[in-house]
Amino acid sequence: MLSLEVQVRIPLARSLKDRRQAIRPVIDGARRRFRVSAAEVDGQDSWQRAGLGFAVVASSHTGAVEVIDAVERFVWSFPELEVLSTERTWAE
């Protein structure tokens, strides 16, 4: 299993509603498009910051890396989000 945690900033968010509207398409889109587990994992109390977590289980190392690479590109494709950091973790 390979997981990816992405810390993002939502500069235009002025409320929790704005924040949810910005991150919901990312989480839902990653689930649908890449068949990964996805959730908001950090920053629930901040309007302009969020931690997003994604995880994939694959039969090969290469397969897992390809999926997580695609998820990371997908997150970067949202202009309303500023990616602050990413961290990958392998679980056995």
N, C-alpha and C. Protein backbone atom coordinates (compact mmCIF):
# COMPACT_ATOMS: atom_id res chain seq x y z
N MET A 1 0.84 -1.17 0.00
CA MET A 1 0.00 0.00 0.00
C MET A 1 0.89 1.24 0.00
N LEU A 2 0.51 2.18 -0.81
CA LEU A 2 1.22 3.46 -0.90
C LEU A 2 0.23 4.56 -0.57
N SER A 3 0.63 5.46 0.30
CA SER A 3 -0.24 6.59 0.64
C SER A 3 0.44 7.90 0.28
N LEU A 4 -0.39 8.89 0.05
CA LEU A 4 0.07 10.23 -0.29
C LEU A 4 -0.68 11.22 0.58
N GLU A 5 0.05 12.07 1.27
CA GLU A 5 -0.57 13.15 2.02
C GLU A 5 -0.16 14.47 1.37
N VAL A 6 -1.15 15.29 1.07
CA VAL A 6 -0.92 16.57 0.40
C VAL A 6 -1.45 17.69 1.30
N GLN A 7 -0.60 18.63 1.64
CA GLN A 7 -1.00 19.81 2.38
C GLN A 7 -1.28 20.91 1.36
N VAL A 8 -2.46 21.49 1.43
CA VAL A 8 -2.84 22.53 0.47
C VAL A 8 -3.30 23.78 1.19
N ARG A 9 -3.20 24.87 0.47
CA ARG A 9 -3.72 26.16 0.93
C ARG A 9 -4.78 26.57 -0.06
N ILE A 10 -5.88 27.13 0.44
CA ILE A 10 -6.97 27.60 -0.40
C ILE A 10 -7.06 29.11 -0.20
N PRO A 11 -6.31 29.88 -0.98
CA PRO A 11 -6.19 31.32 -0.72
C PRO A 11 -7.50 32.09 -0.81
N LEU A 12 -8.44 31.66 -1.64
CA LEU A 12 -9.68 32.41 -1.82
C LEU A 12 -10.78 32.02 -0.83
N ALA A 13 -10.54 31.04 0.01
CA ALA A 13 -11.56 30.60 0.96
C ALA A 13 -11.73 31.65 2.06
N ARG A 14 -12.98 32.05 2.27
CA ARG A 14 -13.31 33.01 3.32
C ARG A 14 -14.22 32.40 4.38
N SER A 15 -14.55 31.12 4.20
CA SER A 15 -15.40 30.42 5.16
C SER A 15 -15.17 28.92 5.01
N LEU A 16 -15.70 28.16 5.96
CA LEU A 16 -15.59 26.71 5.86
C LEU A 16 -16.35 26.19 4.64
N LYS A 17 -17.42 26.86 4.27
CA LYS A 17 -18.18 26.47 3.08
C LYS A 17 -17.31 26.64 1.82
N ASP A 18 -16.61 27.75 1.70
CA ASP A 18 -15.70 27.96 0.57
C ASP A 18 -14.64 26.87 0.52
N ARG A 19 -14.13 26.54 1.68
CA ARG A 19 -13.09 25.52 1.79
C ARG A 19 -13.60 24.17 1.32
N ARG A 20 -14.78 23.78 1.79
CA ARG A 20 -15.39 22.51 1.38
C ARG A 20 -15.63 22.47 -0.12
N GLN A 21 -16.10 23.59 -0.67
CA GLN A 21 -16.36 23.65 -2.11
C GLN A 21 -15.08 23.49 -2.93
N ALA A 22 -13.96 23.88 -2.37
CA ALA A 22 -12.69 23.75 -3.09
C ALA A 22 -12.11 22.34 -3.00
N ILE A 23 -12.25 21.69 -1.85
CA ILE A 23 -11.60 20.38 -1.71
C ILE A 23 -12.49 19.19 -2.07
N ARG A 24 -13.80 19.37 -2.02
CA ARG A 24 -14.70 18.25 -2.32
C ARG A 24 -14.48 17.69 -3.73
N PRO A 25 -14.33 18.54 -4.77
CA PRO A 25 -14.09 17.98 -6.11
C PRO A 25 -12.78 17.19 -6.21
N VAL A 26 -11.79 17.56 -5.42
CA VAL A 26 -10.51 16.86 -5.44
C VAL A 26 -10.69 15.45 -4.84
N ILE A 27 -11.29 15.39 -3.68
CA ILE A 27 -11.48 14.10 -3.01
C ILE A 27 -12.40 13.19 -3.81
N ASP A 28 -13.55 13.70 -4.21
CA ASP A 28 -14.51 12.89 -4.97
C ASP A 28 -13.95 12.49 -6.33
N GLY A 29 -13.28 13.42 -6.99
CA GLY A 29 -12.70 13.13 -8.30
C GLY A 29 -11.61 12.07 -8.24
N ALA A 30 -10.76 12.12 -7.22
CA ALA A 30 -9.71 11.12 -7.08
C ALA A 30 -10.31 9.74 -6.82
N ARG A 31 -11.33 9.69 -6.00
CA ARG A 31 -11.99 8.41 -5.73
C ARG A 31 -12.56 7.80 -7.01
N ARG A 32 -13.27 8.61 -7.77
CA ARG A 32 -13.91 8.12 -9.00
C ARG A 32 -12.89 7.79 -10.09
N ARG A 33 -12.00 8.71 -10.33
CA ARG A 33 -11.09 8.58 -11.48
C ARG A 33 -10.01 7.53 -11.26
N PHE A 34 -9.46 7.47 -10.04
CA PHE A 34 -8.29 6.61 -9.80
C PHE A 34 -8.58 5.42 -8.89
N ARG A 35 -9.81 5.34 -8.38
CA ARG A 35 -10.20 4.23 -7.49
C ARG A 35 -9.28 4.12 -6.28
N VAL A 36 -9.01 5.25 -5.65
CA VAL A 36 -8.19 5.29 -4.44
C VAL A 36 -9.08 5.65 -3.25
N SER A 37 -8.58 5.36 -2.09
CA SER A 37 -9.21 5.87 -0.87
C SER A 37 -8.76 7.31 -0.72
N ALA A 38 -9.68 8.18 -0.36
CA ALA A 38 -9.34 9.60 -0.23
C ALA A 38 -10.14 10.22 0.90
N ALA A 39 -9.49 11.10 1.65
CA ALA A 39 -10.17 11.77 2.76
C ALA A 39 -9.42 13.04 3.14
N GLU A 40 -10.14 13.91 3.81
CA GLU A 40 -9.51 15.08 4.43
C GLU A 40 -8.93 14.59 5.74
N VAL A 41 -7.63 14.76 5.93
CA VAL A 41 -6.97 14.17 7.10
C VAL A 41 -6.38 15.19 8.06
N ASP A 42 -6.41 16.47 7.70
CA ASP A 42 -5.78 17.47 8.56
C ASP A 42 -6.35 18.84 8.24
N GLY A 43 -6.31 19.73 9.21
CA GLY A 43 -6.67 21.12 9.01
C GLY A 43 -8.15 21.41 8.99
N GLN A 44 -8.97 20.56 9.57
CA GLN A 44 -10.41 20.76 9.53
C GLN A 44 -10.85 22.05 10.21
N ASP A 45 -10.03 22.62 11.06
CA ASP A 45 -10.41 23.83 11.79
C ASP A 45 -9.92 25.12 11.11
N SER A 46 -9.30 25.00 9.96
CA SER A 46 -8.76 26.16 9.26
C SER A 46 -9.52 26.41 7.96
N TRP A 47 -9.79 27.66 7.66
CA TRP A 47 -10.50 28.00 6.43
C TRP A 47 -9.63 27.82 5.20
N GLN A 48 -8.36 28.13 5.34
CA GLN A 48 -7.50 28.18 4.15
C GLN A 48 -6.47 27.07 4.06
N ARG A 49 -6.49 26.11 4.95
CA ARG A 49 -5.54 25.00 4.90
C ARG A 49 -6.28 23.69 4.99
N ALA A 50 -5.72 22.67 4.34
CA ALA A 50 -6.31 21.33 4.41
C ALA A 50 -5.21 20.30 4.15
N GLY A 51 -5.36 19.17 4.79
CA GLY A 51 -4.52 18.02 4.52
C GLY A 51 -5.37 16.96 3.87
N LEU A 52 -4.95 16.51 2.69
CA LEU A 52 -5.70 15.51 1.95
C LEU A 52 -4.89 14.22 1.92
N GLY A 53 -5.54 13.11 2.18
CA GLY A 53 -4.86 11.82 2.19
C GLY A 53 -5.44 10.90 1.13
N PHE A 54 -4.55 10.18 0.45
CA PHE A 54 -4.93 9.24 -0.59
C PHE A 54 -4.15 7.94 -0.37
N ALA A 55 -4.78 6.81 -0.63
CA ALA A 55 -4.10 5.53 -0.48
C ALA A 55 -4.52 4.58 -1.59
N VAL A 56 -3.57 3.78 -2.03
CA VAL A 56 -3.83 2.79 -3.07
C VAL A 56 -3.18 1.47 -2.68
N VAL A 57 -3.88 0.40 -2.99
CA VAL A 57 -3.34 -0.95 -2.83
C VAL A 57 -3.22 -1.52 -4.22
N ALA A 58 -2.04 -2.01 -4.58
CA ALA A 58 -1.81 -2.56 -5.92
C ALA A 58 -0.99 -3.83 -5.81
N SER A 59 -1.06 -4.62 -6.87
CA SER A 59 -0.34 -5.90 -6.86
C SER A 59 1.15 -5.72 -7.14
N SER A 60 1.54 -4.53 -7.61
CA SER A 60 2.96 -4.29 -7.87
C SER A 60 3.37 -2.90 -7.39
N HIS A 61 4.64 -2.78 -7.10
CA HIS A 61 5.22 -1.50 -6.70
C HIS A 61 4.98 -0.46 -7.79
N THR A 62 5.27 -0.82 -9.02
CA THR A 62 5.12 0.08 -10.15
C THR A 62 3.68 0.55 -10.32
N GLY A 63 2.73 -0.36 -10.16
CA GLY A 63 1.32 0.00 -10.30
C GLY A 63 0.89 1.02 -9.27
N ALA A 64 1.33 0.82 -8.02
CA ALA A 64 0.98 1.76 -6.96
C ALA A 64 1.59 3.14 -7.23
N VAL A 65 2.84 3.16 -7.65
CA VAL A 65 3.51 4.44 -7.92
C VAL A 65 2.83 5.17 -9.07
N GLU A 66 2.44 4.45 -10.12
CA GLU A 66 1.77 5.08 -11.25
C GLU A 66 0.45 5.73 -10.83
N VAL A 67 -0.31 5.04 -10.00
CA VAL A 67 -1.59 5.59 -9.55
C VAL A 67 -1.37 6.83 -8.69
N ILE A 68 -0.46 6.75 -7.74
CA ILE A 68 -0.21 7.90 -6.85
C ILE A 68 0.38 9.06 -7.63
N ASP A 69 1.23 8.79 -8.63
CA ASP A 69 1.73 9.87 -9.49
C ASP A 69 0.56 10.58 -10.18
N ALA A 70 -0.38 9.81 -10.69
CA ALA A 70 -1.55 10.39 -11.37
C ALA A 70 -2.41 11.20 -10.40
N VAL A 71 -2.59 10.69 -9.19
CA VAL A 71 -3.37 11.42 -8.18
C VAL A 71 -2.68 12.75 -7.85
N GLU A 72 -1.37 12.71 -7.70
CA GLU A 72 -0.64 13.94 -7.38
C GLU A 72 -0.78 14.97 -8.51
N ARG A 73 -0.66 14.53 -9.75
CA ARG A 73 -0.86 15.46 -10.88
C ARG A 73 -2.28 16.02 -10.87
N PHE A 74 -3.25 15.16 -10.54
CA PHE A 74 -4.65 15.59 -10.46
C PHE A 74 -4.82 16.70 -9.43
N VAL A 75 -4.24 16.54 -8.26
CA VAL A 75 -4.34 17.57 -7.21
C VAL A 75 -3.70 18.88 -7.70
N TRP A 76 -2.55 18.78 -8.33
CA TRP A 76 -1.86 19.98 -8.83
C TRP A 76 -2.67 20.68 -9.92
N SER A 77 -3.60 19.99 -10.56
CA SER A 77 -4.36 20.57 -11.67
C SER A 77 -5.45 21.54 -11.23
N PHE A 78 -5.71 21.64 -9.95
CA PHE A 78 -6.76 22.54 -9.45
C PHE A 78 -6.16 23.91 -9.16
N PRO A 79 -6.49 24.92 -9.98
CA PRO A 79 -5.87 26.23 -9.80
C PRO A 79 -6.26 26.94 -8.51
N GLU A 80 -7.38 26.55 -7.90
CA GLU A 80 -7.79 27.21 -6.67
C GLU A 80 -7.03 26.70 -5.44
N LEU A 81 -6.22 25.64 -5.63
CA LEU A 81 -5.43 25.09 -4.53
C LEU A 81 -3.96 25.41 -4.74
N GLU A 82 -3.29 25.74 -3.65
CA GLU A 82 -1.85 25.92 -3.66
C GLU A 82 -1.25 24.74 -2.89
N VAL A 83 -0.51 23.89 -3.58
CA VAL A 83 0.09 22.72 -2.93
C VAL A 83 1.30 23.19 -2.13
N LEU A 84 1.27 22.91 -0.82
CA LEU A 84 2.36 23.31 0.06
C LEU A 84 3.39 22.21 0.23
N SER A 85 2.92 20.95 0.34
CA SER A 85 3.85 19.83 0.48
C SER A 85 3.14 18.53 0.14
N THR A 86 3.96 17.54 -0.20
CA THR A 86 3.45 16.19 -0.43
C THR A 86 4.38 15.21 0.28
N GLU A 87 3.79 14.12 0.76
CA GLU A 87 4.60 13.09 1.41
C GLU A 87 4.03 11.72 1.09
N ARG A 88 4.90 10.84 0.63
CA ARG A 88 4.50 9.47 0.30
C ARG A 88 5.01 8.53 1.37
N THR A 89 4.20 7.51 1.67
CA THR A 89 4.56 6.54 2.69
C THR A 89 4.16 5.15 2.22
N TRP A 90 5.10 4.22 2.31
CA TRP A 90 4.81 2.82 2.00
C TRP A 90 4.40 2.10 3.28
N ALA A 91 3.37 1.30 3.20
CA ALA A 91 2.95 0.47 4.33
C ALA A 91 3.07 -0.99 3.91
N GLU A 92 3.43 -1.80 4.85
CA GLU A 92 3.59 -3.23 4.53
C GLU A 92 2.50 -4.04 5.13
